[in-house]
Structures are given as C-alpha cells and as structure tokens.
Amino acid sequence: MSSQLRAILQKPELAEQLLPEAQTRGFVTAMAAAPHLLDPAEWLAFLWGGDEVSPFTAQEDLEAYANAIVALWNETREALLTNTWAWAEGCGLDDQEIVTEDTRDFAEGLLQGWQLARDDWETIMPEDTEDSALLGGVLLSISLLYDPENAMQALAEEGADALAQFGEIYKSVPMMLCGLSQRAHALVSNA
C-alpha cells in the first residue's frame, strides 16, 4: 500500500468514514481478482460505505484517494496474475486471537468485495463444476479467517489439530487467491 494511501486512511477526519487499511486491501484484492474488469467508478463508493457523497471535502483529495486505490488495484492484479501475491505486513497468525486484526479485516474486505462480483464468478464457474469447487474452497478459507473462533471449534469437532489446520489454511491463501485469479482470467480470455 502506498504511503499516500496510508496517509489518507489515517487522517482523523476520514478514519471513521473510510474502510481501514487491511479491509481496504481486502476489498481491492477482491476487485483485482474479479473475472471481469470492474470500473472503479462502480465500486469506489463502497470504500466509504456506499454513500453517493464521498467523505472528501476537496475534489483534489478525492482524486488523490481514487488514484491511490487504482494504483493498489493495478499492483494487486499484477501480483495475483503473476503468482506473486502475498499477505500484507500486519496480517498473520496470532497466539491469543488466532489471527491478527489485520487478517480478519482483510478477510472481511475481501468477502465484501466478492459480493459485487458474485454474479460474474457464478457465471464463469457454474455450480457443480471443478471451478466452482475451487471458488468455494477459496471463499470457505477466507470465511474461516474472518471468523476464526468458530473455525477452530468446527475443526476441533472434526478431530483435527485445529491450530495446525488453521495455520495451513492461512499459509495456503496466497496460492489459492493467485490460482483462482489466474483460472478466472483464463476462462474469461478464452470465452
């Protein structure tokens, strides 16, 4: 994330109105992974709660924010398609909370963003296909990271070493997101 975008997100007058940094990153990652390119004009307002009026008082500030978001989108899309996407600093596992707050926020943002592209995903990866299973596995993993307490309980009920399994899920997310993005890109390109 650029220092410019980080500075905008940390401004006291905007901090309560814009998604926090990790959640923003998750949302933008969902937009970058989407099968079809979505114009940022269609989704930018979701980063401040979907209101028609942005929280920015000056047009220049809105433009700087939009440009920083588009730059993050470009960087993220490139990383997903070249298999170089990795967890951002601050994301990780946590001894006390299972995952860090940033990991949880990232997962929440990704799930929110996925909702916008859901129809596209379901069209190119119809139910009862291998592609649909891939998509389902990624979404399940992200959902588990968003709600780790219930995930740990469910894994323990299955007799698994819940903490070890959870660590494996966390470690596999970069590979899964890259693979899903690359598969979606291939399906759309070959259509």
N, C-alpha and C. Protein backbone atom coordinates (compact mmCIF):
# COMPACT_ATOMS: atom_id res chain seq x y z
N MET A 1 0.86 -1.16 0.00
CA MET A 1 0.00 0.00 0.00
C MET A 1 0.90 1.22 0.00
N SER A 2 0.55 2.17 -0.83
CA SER A 2 1.38 3.36 -0.94
C SER A 2 1.31 4.20 0.33
N SER A 3 2.37 4.94 0.56
CA SER A 3 2.39 5.82 1.73
C SER A 3 1.32 6.89 1.60
N GLN A 4 1.01 7.30 0.36
CA GLN A 4 -0.03 8.30 0.13
C GLN A 4 -1.40 7.75 0.58
N LEU A 5 -1.72 6.55 0.19
CA LEU A 5 -3.00 5.95 0.58
C LEU A 5 -3.04 5.72 2.09
N ARG A 6 -1.96 5.25 2.66
CA ARG A 6 -1.90 5.03 4.11
C ARG A 6 -2.12 6.35 4.85
N ALA A 7 -1.52 7.43 4.36
CA ALA A 7 -1.69 8.75 4.99
C ALA A 7 -3.14 9.22 4.91
N ILE A 8 -3.79 8.99 3.79
CA ILE A 8 -5.20 9.38 3.63
C ILE A 8 -6.06 8.60 4.62
N LEU A 9 -5.84 7.30 4.72
CA LEU A 9 -6.64 6.45 5.60
C LEU A 9 -6.43 6.79 7.08
N GLN A 10 -5.30 7.40 7.40
CA GLN A 10 -5.00 7.72 8.80
C GLN A 10 -5.44 9.13 9.19
N LYS A 11 -5.95 9.91 8.25
CA LYS A 11 -6.42 11.25 8.60
C LYS A 11 -7.60 11.12 9.56
N PRO A 12 -7.54 11.82 10.69
CA PRO A 12 -8.61 11.68 11.69
C PRO A 12 -10.01 11.96 11.15
N GLU A 13 -10.14 12.94 10.27
CA GLU A 13 -11.47 13.29 9.74
C GLU A 13 -12.00 12.24 8.76
N LEU A 14 -11.15 11.34 8.28
CA LEU A 14 -11.58 10.31 7.33
C LEU A 14 -11.55 8.90 7.93
N ALA A 15 -10.82 8.72 9.02
CA ALA A 15 -10.62 7.39 9.60
C ALA A 15 -11.93 6.67 9.91
N GLU A 16 -12.93 7.39 10.34
CA GLU A 16 -14.20 6.77 10.69
C GLU A 16 -15.12 6.59 9.48
N GLN A 17 -14.76 7.21 8.36
CA GLN A 17 -15.64 7.17 7.19
C GLN A 17 -15.16 6.22 6.11
N LEU A 18 -13.87 5.93 6.09
CA LEU A 18 -13.30 5.03 5.08
C LEU A 18 -13.01 3.67 5.72
N LEU A 19 -13.04 2.63 4.91
CA LEU A 19 -12.64 1.31 5.43
C LEU A 19 -11.20 1.40 5.93
N PRO A 20 -10.87 0.70 7.01
CA PRO A 20 -9.48 0.70 7.49
C PRO A 20 -8.55 0.05 6.45
N GLU A 21 -7.26 0.23 6.66
CA GLU A 21 -6.26 -0.19 5.67
C GLU A 21 -6.38 -1.65 5.25
N ALA A 22 -6.41 -2.58 6.19
CA ALA A 22 -6.45 -4.00 5.83
C ALA A 22 -7.76 -4.36 5.14
N GLN A 23 -8.85 -3.77 5.58
CA GLN A 23 -10.15 -4.04 4.95
C GLN A 23 -10.18 -3.45 3.54
N THR A 24 -9.58 -2.28 3.36
CA THR A 24 -9.46 -1.68 2.03
C THR A 24 -8.66 -2.60 1.12
N ARG A 25 -7.56 -3.09 1.64
CA ARG A 25 -6.71 -4.00 0.85
C ARG A 25 -7.49 -5.26 0.46
N GLY A 26 -8.27 -5.82 1.37
CA GLY A 26 -9.07 -7.00 1.06
C GLY A 26 -10.11 -6.71 -0.01
N PHE A 27 -10.78 -5.58 0.11
CA PHE A 27 -11.80 -5.21 -0.87
C PHE A 27 -11.17 -5.02 -2.25
N VAL A 28 -10.06 -4.30 -2.29
CA VAL A 28 -9.37 -4.06 -3.57
C VAL A 28 -8.86 -5.38 -4.15
N THR A 29 -8.42 -6.29 -3.30
CA THR A 29 -7.97 -7.61 -3.78
C THR A 29 -9.13 -8.36 -4.43
N ALA A 30 -10.32 -8.27 -3.86
CA ALA A 30 -11.49 -8.91 -4.47
C ALA A 30 -11.78 -8.29 -5.83
N MET A 31 -11.64 -6.99 -5.95
CA MET A 31 -11.88 -6.33 -7.24
C MET A 31 -10.80 -6.70 -8.25
N ALA A 32 -9.57 -6.85 -7.78
CA ALA A 32 -8.47 -7.21 -8.68
C ALA A 32 -8.57 -8.66 -9.14
N ALA A 33 -9.14 -9.51 -8.30
CA ALA A 33 -9.28 -10.93 -8.64
C ALA A 33 -10.51 -11.20 -9.50
N ALA A 34 -11.44 -10.25 -9.55
CA ALA A 34 -12.71 -10.45 -10.27
C ALA A 34 -12.47 -10.90 -11.71
N PRO A 35 -13.33 -11.78 -12.20
CA PRO A 35 -13.15 -12.31 -13.55
C PRO A 35 -13.19 -11.24 -14.65
N HIS A 36 -14.07 -10.29 -14.49
CA HIS A 36 -14.19 -9.20 -15.47
C HIS A 36 -13.71 -7.92 -14.82
N LEU A 37 -13.03 -7.09 -15.59
CA LEU A 37 -12.57 -5.82 -15.06
C LEU A 37 -13.77 -4.96 -14.69
N LEU A 38 -13.79 -4.50 -13.47
CA LEU A 38 -14.86 -3.65 -13.00
C LEU A 38 -14.33 -2.23 -12.87
N ASP A 39 -15.02 -1.29 -13.47
CA ASP A 39 -14.62 0.11 -13.43
C ASP A 39 -14.63 0.58 -11.97
N PRO A 40 -13.53 1.16 -11.50
CA PRO A 40 -13.51 1.65 -10.12
C PRO A 40 -14.66 2.63 -9.81
N ALA A 41 -15.16 3.30 -10.81
CA ALA A 41 -16.30 4.20 -10.58
C ALA A 41 -17.52 3.42 -10.08
N GLU A 42 -17.57 2.11 -10.40
CA GLU A 42 -18.69 1.27 -9.97
C GLU A 42 -18.56 0.80 -8.52
N TRP A 43 -17.34 0.81 -7.98
CA TRP A 43 -17.15 0.24 -6.65
C TRP A 43 -16.41 1.13 -5.65
N LEU A 44 -15.87 2.23 -6.08
CA LEU A 44 -15.09 3.09 -5.19
C LEU A 44 -15.91 3.55 -3.98
N ALA A 45 -17.17 3.89 -4.20
CA ALA A 45 -18.01 4.39 -3.10
C ALA A 45 -18.21 3.36 -2.00
N PHE A 46 -18.06 2.08 -2.29
CA PHE A 46 -18.19 1.05 -1.26
C PHE A 46 -17.09 1.17 -0.21
N LEU A 47 -15.99 1.84 -0.57
CA LEU A 47 -14.89 2.01 0.37
C LEU A 47 -15.21 3.07 1.42
N TRP A 48 -16.28 3.81 1.22
CA TRP A 48 -16.76 4.72 2.27
C TRP A 48 -18.22 4.44 2.61
N GLY A 49 -18.61 3.19 2.49
CA GLY A 49 -19.93 2.76 2.93
C GLY A 49 -21.02 2.81 1.89
N GLY A 50 -20.68 3.13 0.65
CA GLY A 50 -21.67 3.13 -0.42
C GLY A 50 -22.44 4.43 -0.58
N ASP A 51 -22.16 5.40 0.28
CA ASP A 51 -22.86 6.69 0.15
C ASP A 51 -22.53 7.34 -1.18
N GLU A 52 -23.53 8.02 -1.76
CA GLU A 52 -23.30 8.70 -3.04
C GLU A 52 -22.31 9.85 -2.89
N VAL A 53 -22.34 10.50 -1.74
CA VAL A 53 -21.46 11.64 -1.49
C VAL A 53 -20.22 11.14 -0.76
N SER A 54 -19.06 11.46 -1.31
CA SER A 54 -17.82 11.00 -0.68
C SER A 54 -17.53 11.82 0.57
N PRO A 55 -16.73 11.27 1.45
CA PRO A 55 -16.38 11.99 2.68
C PRO A 55 -15.31 13.07 2.48
N PHE A 56 -14.83 13.22 1.26
CA PHE A 56 -13.77 14.18 0.99
C PHE A 56 -14.35 15.57 0.78
N THR A 57 -13.74 16.55 1.39
CA THR A 57 -14.25 17.93 1.26
C THR A 57 -13.66 18.63 0.05
N ALA A 58 -12.53 18.18 -0.44
CA ALA A 58 -11.89 18.79 -1.61
C ALA A 58 -11.80 17.77 -2.73
N GLN A 59 -12.09 18.20 -3.94
CA GLN A 59 -12.03 17.33 -5.11
C GLN A 59 -10.64 16.73 -5.30
N GLU A 60 -9.60 17.52 -5.00
CA GLU A 60 -8.22 17.04 -5.15
C GLU A 60 -7.95 15.85 -4.22
N ASP A 61 -8.54 15.91 -3.01
CA ASP A 61 -8.35 14.81 -2.06
C ASP A 61 -9.04 13.54 -2.55
N LEU A 62 -10.23 13.68 -3.12
CA LEU A 62 -10.93 12.53 -3.68
C LEU A 62 -10.13 11.94 -4.84
N GLU A 63 -9.60 12.80 -5.70
CA GLU A 63 -8.80 12.32 -6.83
C GLU A 63 -7.53 11.61 -6.36
N ALA A 64 -6.89 12.15 -5.33
CA ALA A 64 -5.68 11.52 -4.81
C ALA A 64 -6.02 10.14 -4.24
N TYR A 65 -7.14 10.04 -3.54
CA TYR A 65 -7.58 8.77 -2.97
C TYR A 65 -7.90 7.78 -4.09
N ALA A 66 -8.67 8.22 -5.06
CA ALA A 66 -9.05 7.34 -6.18
C ALA A 66 -7.82 6.86 -6.94
N ASN A 67 -6.88 7.75 -7.17
CA ASN A 67 -5.65 7.36 -7.88
C ASN A 67 -4.84 6.35 -7.07
N ALA A 68 -4.78 6.54 -5.76
CA ALA A 68 -4.05 5.59 -4.91
C ALA A 68 -4.74 4.23 -4.88
N ILE A 69 -6.07 4.22 -4.88
CA ILE A 69 -6.82 2.95 -4.90
C ILE A 69 -6.59 2.23 -6.23
N VAL A 70 -6.63 2.96 -7.33
CA VAL A 70 -6.41 2.35 -8.64
C VAL A 70 -4.98 1.81 -8.73
N ALA A 71 -4.02 2.53 -8.18
CA ALA A 71 -2.64 2.04 -8.18
C ALA A 71 -2.53 0.75 -7.37
N LEU A 72 -3.22 0.69 -6.23
CA LEU A 72 -3.23 -0.54 -5.42
C LEU A 72 -3.90 -1.66 -6.20
N TRP A 73 -4.99 -1.37 -6.89
CA TRP A 73 -5.68 -2.37 -7.71
C TRP A 73 -4.73 -2.92 -8.77
N ASN A 74 -4.04 -2.02 -9.49
CA ASN A 74 -3.10 -2.45 -10.53
C ASN A 74 -2.00 -3.34 -9.97
N GLU A 75 -1.44 -2.93 -8.84
CA GLU A 75 -0.37 -3.69 -8.20
C GLU A 75 -0.88 -5.07 -7.75
N THR A 76 -2.07 -5.09 -7.19
CA THR A 76 -2.63 -6.34 -6.69
C THR A 76 -2.99 -7.28 -7.84
N ARG A 77 -3.59 -6.76 -8.89
CA ARG A 77 -3.96 -7.59 -10.04
C ARG A 77 -2.71 -8.23 -10.66
N GLU A 78 -1.68 -7.42 -10.82
CA GLU A 78 -0.43 -7.93 -11.38
C GLU A 78 0.13 -9.05 -10.49
N ALA A 79 0.12 -8.85 -9.18
CA ALA A 79 0.64 -9.86 -8.26
C ALA A 79 -0.19 -11.14 -8.31
N LEU A 80 -1.51 -11.01 -8.40
CA LEU A 80 -2.36 -12.19 -8.48
C LEU A 80 -2.11 -12.98 -9.76
N LEU A 81 -1.98 -12.27 -10.86
CA LEU A 81 -1.82 -12.94 -12.15
C LEU A 81 -0.42 -13.48 -12.40
N THR A 82 0.55 -12.99 -11.63
CA THR A 82 1.93 -13.48 -11.78
C THR A 82 2.35 -14.38 -10.62
N ASN A 83 1.37 -14.75 -9.81
CA ASN A 83 1.61 -15.67 -8.70
C ASN A 83 2.60 -15.12 -7.68
N THR A 84 2.57 -13.80 -7.46
CA THR A 84 3.49 -13.18 -6.50
C THR A 84 2.74 -12.49 -5.36
N TRP A 85 1.43 -12.65 -5.32
CA TRP A 85 0.66 -12.01 -4.24
C TRP A 85 1.04 -12.64 -2.91
N ALA A 86 1.16 -11.82 -1.90
CA ALA A 86 1.50 -12.31 -0.55
C ALA A 86 0.71 -11.50 0.47
N TRP A 87 0.58 -12.07 1.66
CA TRP A 87 -0.08 -11.36 2.75
C TRP A 87 0.65 -10.05 3.02
N ALA A 88 -0.11 -9.02 3.32
CA ALA A 88 0.47 -7.72 3.65
C ALA A 88 1.06 -7.74 5.05
N GLU A 89 1.95 -6.83 5.29
CA GLU A 89 2.51 -6.66 6.63
C GLU A 89 1.36 -6.41 7.61
N GLY A 90 1.42 -7.03 8.73
CA GLY A 90 0.36 -6.88 9.73
C GLY A 90 -0.59 -8.07 9.74
N CYS A 91 -0.68 -8.76 8.62
CA CYS A 91 -1.51 -9.96 8.57
C CYS A 91 -0.68 -11.13 9.08
N GLY A 92 -1.34 -12.02 9.77
CA GLY A 92 -0.62 -13.17 10.28
C GLY A 92 -1.47 -13.95 11.26
N LEU A 93 -0.85 -14.96 11.82
CA LEU A 93 -1.49 -15.74 12.87
C LEU A 93 -1.13 -15.09 14.20
N ASP A 94 -1.96 -15.32 15.20
CA ASP A 94 -1.74 -14.70 16.50
C ASP A 94 -2.00 -15.74 17.58
N ASP A 95 -1.09 -15.83 18.54
CA ASP A 95 -1.22 -16.83 19.61
C ASP A 95 -2.48 -16.63 20.45
N GLN A 96 -2.87 -15.39 20.65
CA GLN A 96 -4.02 -15.09 21.51
C GLN A 96 -5.34 -15.10 20.74
N GLU A 97 -5.35 -14.44 19.59
CA GLU A 97 -6.59 -14.23 18.84
C GLU A 97 -6.72 -15.13 17.61
N ILE A 98 -5.83 -16.05 17.41
CA ILE A 98 -5.75 -16.97 16.28
C ILE A 98 -5.22 -16.26 15.04
N VAL A 99 -5.86 -15.13 14.63
CA VAL A 99 -5.34 -14.31 13.54
C VAL A 99 -5.26 -12.87 14.03
N THR A 100 -4.43 -12.09 13.35
CA THR A 100 -4.33 -10.68 13.72
C THR A 100 -5.59 -9.94 13.27
N GLU A 101 -5.79 -8.78 13.84
CA GLU A 101 -6.93 -7.95 13.45
C GLU A 101 -6.84 -7.60 11.96
N ASP A 102 -5.63 -7.36 11.46
CA ASP A 102 -5.46 -7.05 10.03
C ASP A 102 -5.91 -8.22 9.16
N THR A 103 -5.62 -9.44 9.58
CA THR A 103 -6.04 -10.61 8.81
C THR A 103 -7.56 -10.69 8.76
N ARG A 104 -8.16 -10.48 9.90
CA ARG A 104 -9.63 -10.52 9.99
C ARG A 104 -10.24 -9.40 9.12
N ASP A 105 -9.67 -8.20 9.21
CA ASP A 105 -10.17 -7.07 8.41
C ASP A 105 -9.99 -7.33 6.92
N PHE A 106 -8.84 -7.89 6.55
CA PHE A 106 -8.60 -8.22 5.14
C PHE A 106 -9.67 -9.19 4.65
N ALA A 107 -9.91 -10.24 5.43
CA ALA A 107 -10.91 -11.25 5.05
C ALA A 107 -12.29 -10.61 4.91
N GLU A 108 -12.64 -9.72 5.82
CA GLU A 108 -13.93 -9.05 5.74
C GLU A 108 -14.03 -8.21 4.47
N GLY A 109 -12.99 -7.46 4.16
CA GLY A 109 -12.99 -6.65 2.95
C GLY A 109 -13.08 -7.50 1.69
N LEU A 110 -12.36 -8.62 1.67
CA LEU A 110 -12.41 -9.50 0.50
C LEU A 110 -13.81 -10.07 0.32
N LEU A 111 -14.43 -10.49 1.39
CA LEU A 111 -15.79 -11.03 1.30
C LEU A 111 -16.79 -9.97 0.86
N GLN A 112 -16.61 -8.73 1.33
CA GLN A 112 -17.49 -7.64 0.90
C GLN A 112 -17.31 -7.38 -0.59
N GLY A 113 -16.08 -7.34 -1.04
CA GLY A 113 -15.82 -7.10 -2.46
C GLY A 113 -16.31 -8.23 -3.34
N TRP A 114 -16.19 -9.46 -2.84
CA TRP A 114 -16.65 -10.60 -3.62
C TRP A 114 -18.13 -10.48 -3.94
N GLN A 115 -18.90 -9.93 -3.03
CA GLN A 115 -20.34 -9.78 -3.26
C GLN A 115 -20.63 -8.97 -4.53
N LEU A 116 -19.80 -7.98 -4.82
CA LEU A 116 -20.03 -7.15 -6.01
C LEU A 116 -19.80 -7.92 -7.31
N ALA A 117 -18.88 -8.85 -7.28
CA ALA A 117 -18.55 -9.61 -8.49
C ALA A 117 -19.16 -11.01 -8.47
N ARG A 118 -20.00 -11.27 -7.51
CA ARG A 118 -20.55 -12.61 -7.32
C ARG A 118 -21.20 -13.18 -8.58
N ASP A 119 -22.01 -12.40 -9.26
CA ASP A 119 -22.68 -12.89 -10.47
C ASP A 119 -21.67 -13.30 -11.54
N ASP A 120 -20.60 -12.50 -11.69
CA ASP A 120 -19.56 -12.84 -12.67
C ASP A 120 -18.90 -14.17 -12.31
N TRP A 121 -18.59 -14.34 -11.02
CA TRP A 121 -17.96 -15.58 -10.58
C TRP A 121 -18.87 -16.78 -10.84
N GLU A 122 -20.14 -16.63 -10.50
CA GLU A 122 -21.06 -17.76 -10.64
C GLU A 122 -21.36 -18.07 -12.11
N THR A 123 -21.22 -17.07 -12.98
CA THR A 123 -21.42 -17.30 -14.41
C THR A 123 -20.27 -18.09 -15.02
N ILE A 124 -19.03 -17.69 -14.67
CA ILE A 124 -17.89 -18.39 -15.28
C ILE A 124 -17.52 -19.68 -14.55
N MET A 125 -17.98 -19.81 -13.31
CA MET A 125 -17.70 -21.01 -12.52
C MET A 125 -19.02 -21.56 -11.99
N PRO A 126 -19.83 -22.14 -12.90
CA PRO A 126 -21.16 -22.60 -12.51
C PRO A 126 -21.11 -23.72 -11.46
N GLU A 127 -22.21 -23.85 -10.74
CA GLU A 127 -22.35 -24.86 -9.70
C GLU A 127 -22.03 -26.25 -10.23
N ASP A 128 -21.53 -27.10 -9.37
CA ASP A 128 -21.23 -28.49 -9.69
C ASP A 128 -20.14 -28.67 -10.74
N THR A 129 -19.18 -27.73 -10.76
CA THR A 129 -18.02 -27.86 -11.63
C THR A 129 -16.76 -27.82 -10.76
N GLU A 130 -15.65 -28.28 -11.33
CA GLU A 130 -14.38 -28.20 -10.60
C GLU A 130 -14.04 -26.75 -10.28
N ASP A 131 -14.35 -25.85 -11.21
CA ASP A 131 -14.07 -24.44 -10.99
C ASP A 131 -14.89 -23.90 -9.82
N SER A 132 -16.13 -24.34 -9.72
CA SER A 132 -16.98 -23.91 -8.61
C SER A 132 -16.42 -24.43 -7.29
N ALA A 133 -15.87 -25.63 -7.30
CA ALA A 133 -15.26 -26.19 -6.09
C ALA A 133 -14.04 -25.36 -5.68
N LEU A 134 -13.26 -24.93 -6.67
CA LEU A 134 -12.10 -24.07 -6.40
C LEU A 134 -12.56 -22.76 -5.75
N LEU A 135 -13.55 -22.13 -6.35
CA LEU A 135 -14.09 -20.88 -5.82
C LEU A 135 -14.62 -21.10 -4.40
N GLY A 136 -15.36 -22.17 -4.19
CA GLY A 136 -15.91 -22.47 -2.88
C GLY A 136 -14.83 -22.68 -1.83
N GLY A 137 -13.77 -23.35 -2.22
CA GLY A 137 -12.65 -23.57 -1.29
C GLY A 137 -11.98 -22.27 -0.87
N VAL A 138 -11.80 -21.38 -1.82
CA VAL A 138 -11.19 -20.08 -1.50
C VAL A 138 -12.11 -19.29 -0.57
N LEU A 139 -13.39 -19.23 -0.91
CA LEU A 139 -14.33 -18.47 -0.08
C LEU A 139 -14.45 -19.07 1.32
N LEU A 140 -14.45 -20.39 1.42
CA LEU A 140 -14.51 -21.02 2.73
C LEU A 140 -13.28 -20.66 3.55
N SER A 141 -12.11 -20.71 2.94
CA SER A 141 -10.88 -20.37 3.65
C SER A 141 -10.90 -18.93 4.14
N ILE A 142 -11.35 -18.01 3.30
CA ILE A 142 -11.42 -16.60 3.69
C ILE A 142 -12.45 -16.43 4.80
N SER A 143 -13.56 -17.13 4.70
CA SER A 143 -14.59 -17.05 5.75
C SER A 143 -14.05 -17.57 7.08
N LEU A 144 -13.26 -18.63 7.04
CA LEU A 144 -12.66 -19.16 8.27
C LEU A 144 -11.72 -18.13 8.90
N LEU A 145 -10.99 -17.40 8.07
CA LEU A 145 -10.09 -16.37 8.59
C LEU A 145 -10.86 -15.20 9.18
N TYR A 146 -12.03 -14.94 8.63
CA TYR A 146 -12.86 -13.85 9.14
C TYR A 146 -13.47 -14.22 10.49
N ASP A 147 -13.77 -15.49 10.69
CA ASP A 147 -14.40 -15.94 11.94
C ASP A 147 -13.60 -17.12 12.51
N PRO A 148 -12.39 -16.85 12.98
CA PRO A 148 -11.51 -17.95 13.38
C PRO A 148 -11.98 -18.75 14.59
N GLU A 149 -12.71 -18.11 15.50
CA GLU A 149 -13.14 -18.85 16.69
C GLU A 149 -14.06 -20.00 16.30
N ASN A 150 -15.05 -19.73 15.46
CA ASN A 150 -15.95 -20.79 15.02
C ASN A 150 -15.22 -21.80 14.14
N ALA A 151 -14.27 -21.32 13.35
CA ALA A 151 -13.49 -22.22 12.51
C ALA A 151 -12.70 -23.21 13.38
N MET A 152 -12.08 -22.69 14.42
CA MET A 152 -11.30 -23.56 15.31
C MET A 152 -12.20 -24.60 15.96
N GLN A 153 -13.38 -24.19 16.38
CA GLN A 153 -14.32 -25.10 17.02
C GLN A 153 -14.75 -26.19 16.04
N ALA A 154 -15.08 -25.80 14.80
CA ALA A 154 -15.52 -26.77 13.80
C ALA A 154 -14.39 -27.76 13.47
N LEU A 155 -13.17 -27.25 13.34
CA LEU A 155 -12.04 -28.13 13.05
C LEU A 155 -11.80 -29.10 14.21
N ALA A 156 -11.90 -28.60 15.43
CA ALA A 156 -11.71 -29.47 16.60
C ALA A 156 -12.78 -30.55 16.67
N GLU A 157 -14.02 -30.19 16.31
CA GLU A 157 -15.12 -31.17 16.32
C GLU A 157 -14.89 -32.28 15.30
N GLU A 158 -14.15 -31.96 14.23
CA GLU A 158 -13.83 -32.96 13.21
C GLU A 158 -12.63 -33.82 13.63
N GLY A 159 -12.09 -33.52 14.80
CA GLY A 159 -10.98 -34.32 15.30
C GLY A 159 -9.63 -33.87 14.78
N ALA A 160 -9.58 -32.74 14.12
CA ALA A 160 -8.33 -32.25 13.56
C ALA A 160 -7.57 -31.44 14.60
N ASP A 161 -6.27 -31.36 14.42
CA ASP A 161 -5.47 -30.44 15.23
C ASP A 161 -5.80 -29.06 14.69
N ALA A 162 -6.76 -28.41 15.33
CA ALA A 162 -7.34 -27.18 14.80
C ALA A 162 -6.31 -26.10 14.53
N LEU A 163 -5.38 -25.88 15.46
CA LEU A 163 -4.40 -24.82 15.27
C LEU A 163 -3.49 -25.11 14.08
N ALA A 164 -3.05 -26.35 13.95
CA ALA A 164 -2.19 -26.72 12.82
C ALA A 164 -2.95 -26.57 11.51
N GLN A 165 -4.19 -27.04 11.48
CA GLN A 165 -5.01 -26.91 10.27
C GLN A 165 -5.23 -25.45 9.90
N PHE A 166 -5.47 -24.64 10.92
CA PHE A 166 -5.70 -23.22 10.67
C PHE A 166 -4.45 -22.57 10.09
N GLY A 167 -3.30 -22.94 10.61
CA GLY A 167 -2.05 -22.43 10.07
C GLY A 167 -1.87 -22.80 8.61
N GLU A 168 -2.24 -24.03 8.26
CA GLU A 168 -2.15 -24.45 6.86
C GLU A 168 -3.10 -23.66 5.97
N ILE A 169 -4.30 -23.40 6.47
CA ILE A 169 -5.26 -22.60 5.70
C ILE A 169 -4.68 -21.22 5.44
N TYR A 170 -4.17 -20.59 6.49
CA TYR A 170 -3.61 -19.25 6.35
C TYR A 170 -2.47 -19.24 5.32
N LYS A 171 -1.57 -20.21 5.43
CA LYS A 171 -0.41 -20.26 4.52
C LYS A 171 -0.82 -20.51 3.08
N SER A 172 -1.94 -21.20 2.87
CA SER A 172 -2.33 -21.55 1.50
C SER A 172 -3.13 -20.45 0.79
N VAL A 173 -3.58 -19.44 1.51
CA VAL A 173 -4.41 -18.40 0.89
C VAL A 173 -3.71 -17.70 -0.28
N PRO A 174 -2.45 -17.28 -0.19
CA PRO A 174 -1.84 -16.65 -1.36
C PRO A 174 -1.89 -17.53 -2.61
N MET A 175 -1.54 -18.81 -2.46
CA MET A 175 -1.57 -19.72 -3.61
C MET A 175 -3.00 -19.86 -4.14
N MET A 176 -3.98 -19.96 -3.23
CA MET A 176 -5.37 -20.13 -3.66
C MET A 176 -5.88 -18.88 -4.38
N LEU A 177 -5.60 -17.69 -3.83
CA LEU A 177 -6.07 -16.46 -4.48
C LEU A 177 -5.43 -16.28 -5.86
N CYS A 178 -4.14 -16.56 -5.94
CA CYS A 178 -3.46 -16.45 -7.24
C CYS A 178 -4.04 -17.46 -8.23
N GLY A 179 -4.19 -18.70 -7.80
CA GLY A 179 -4.73 -19.74 -8.68
C GLY A 179 -6.14 -19.42 -9.14
N LEU A 180 -6.98 -18.95 -8.24
CA LEU A 180 -8.35 -18.59 -8.59
C LEU A 180 -8.37 -17.44 -9.59
N SER A 181 -7.55 -16.43 -9.34
CA SER A 181 -7.50 -15.27 -10.25
C SER A 181 -7.00 -15.68 -11.63
N GLN A 182 -5.99 -16.51 -11.66
CA GLN A 182 -5.44 -16.96 -12.94
C GLN A 182 -6.45 -17.82 -13.70
N ARG A 183 -7.16 -18.67 -12.99
CA ARG A 183 -8.18 -19.52 -13.63
C ARG A 183 -9.30 -18.66 -14.19
N ALA A 184 -9.77 -17.68 -13.41
CA ALA A 184 -10.83 -16.78 -13.87
C ALA A 184 -10.37 -16.00 -15.10
N HIS A 185 -9.14 -15.52 -15.07
CA HIS A 185 -8.60 -14.76 -16.21
C HIS A 185 -8.55 -15.64 -17.45
N ALA A 186 -8.13 -16.89 -17.29
CA ALA A 186 -8.07 -17.83 -18.42
C ALA A 186 -9.47 -18.12 -18.97
N LEU A 187 -10.41 -18.33 -18.09
CA LEU A 187 -11.80 -18.62 -18.54
C LEU A 187 -12.40 -17.44 -19.32
N VAL A 188 -12.16 -16.25 -18.82
CA VAL A 188 -12.71 -15.04 -19.48
C VAL A 188 -11.98 -14.78 -20.81
N SER A 189 -10.67 -14.99 -20.81
CA SER A 189 -9.88 -14.77 -22.03
C SER A 189 -10.22 -15.74 -23.14
N ASN A 190 -10.59 -16.97 -22.77
CA ASN A 190 -10.91 -18.00 -23.75
C ASN A 190 -12.38 -18.02 -24.16
N ALA A 191 -13.17 -17.16 -23.56
CA ALA A 191 -14.61 -17.15 -23.85
C ALA A 191 -14.91 -16.48 -25.17
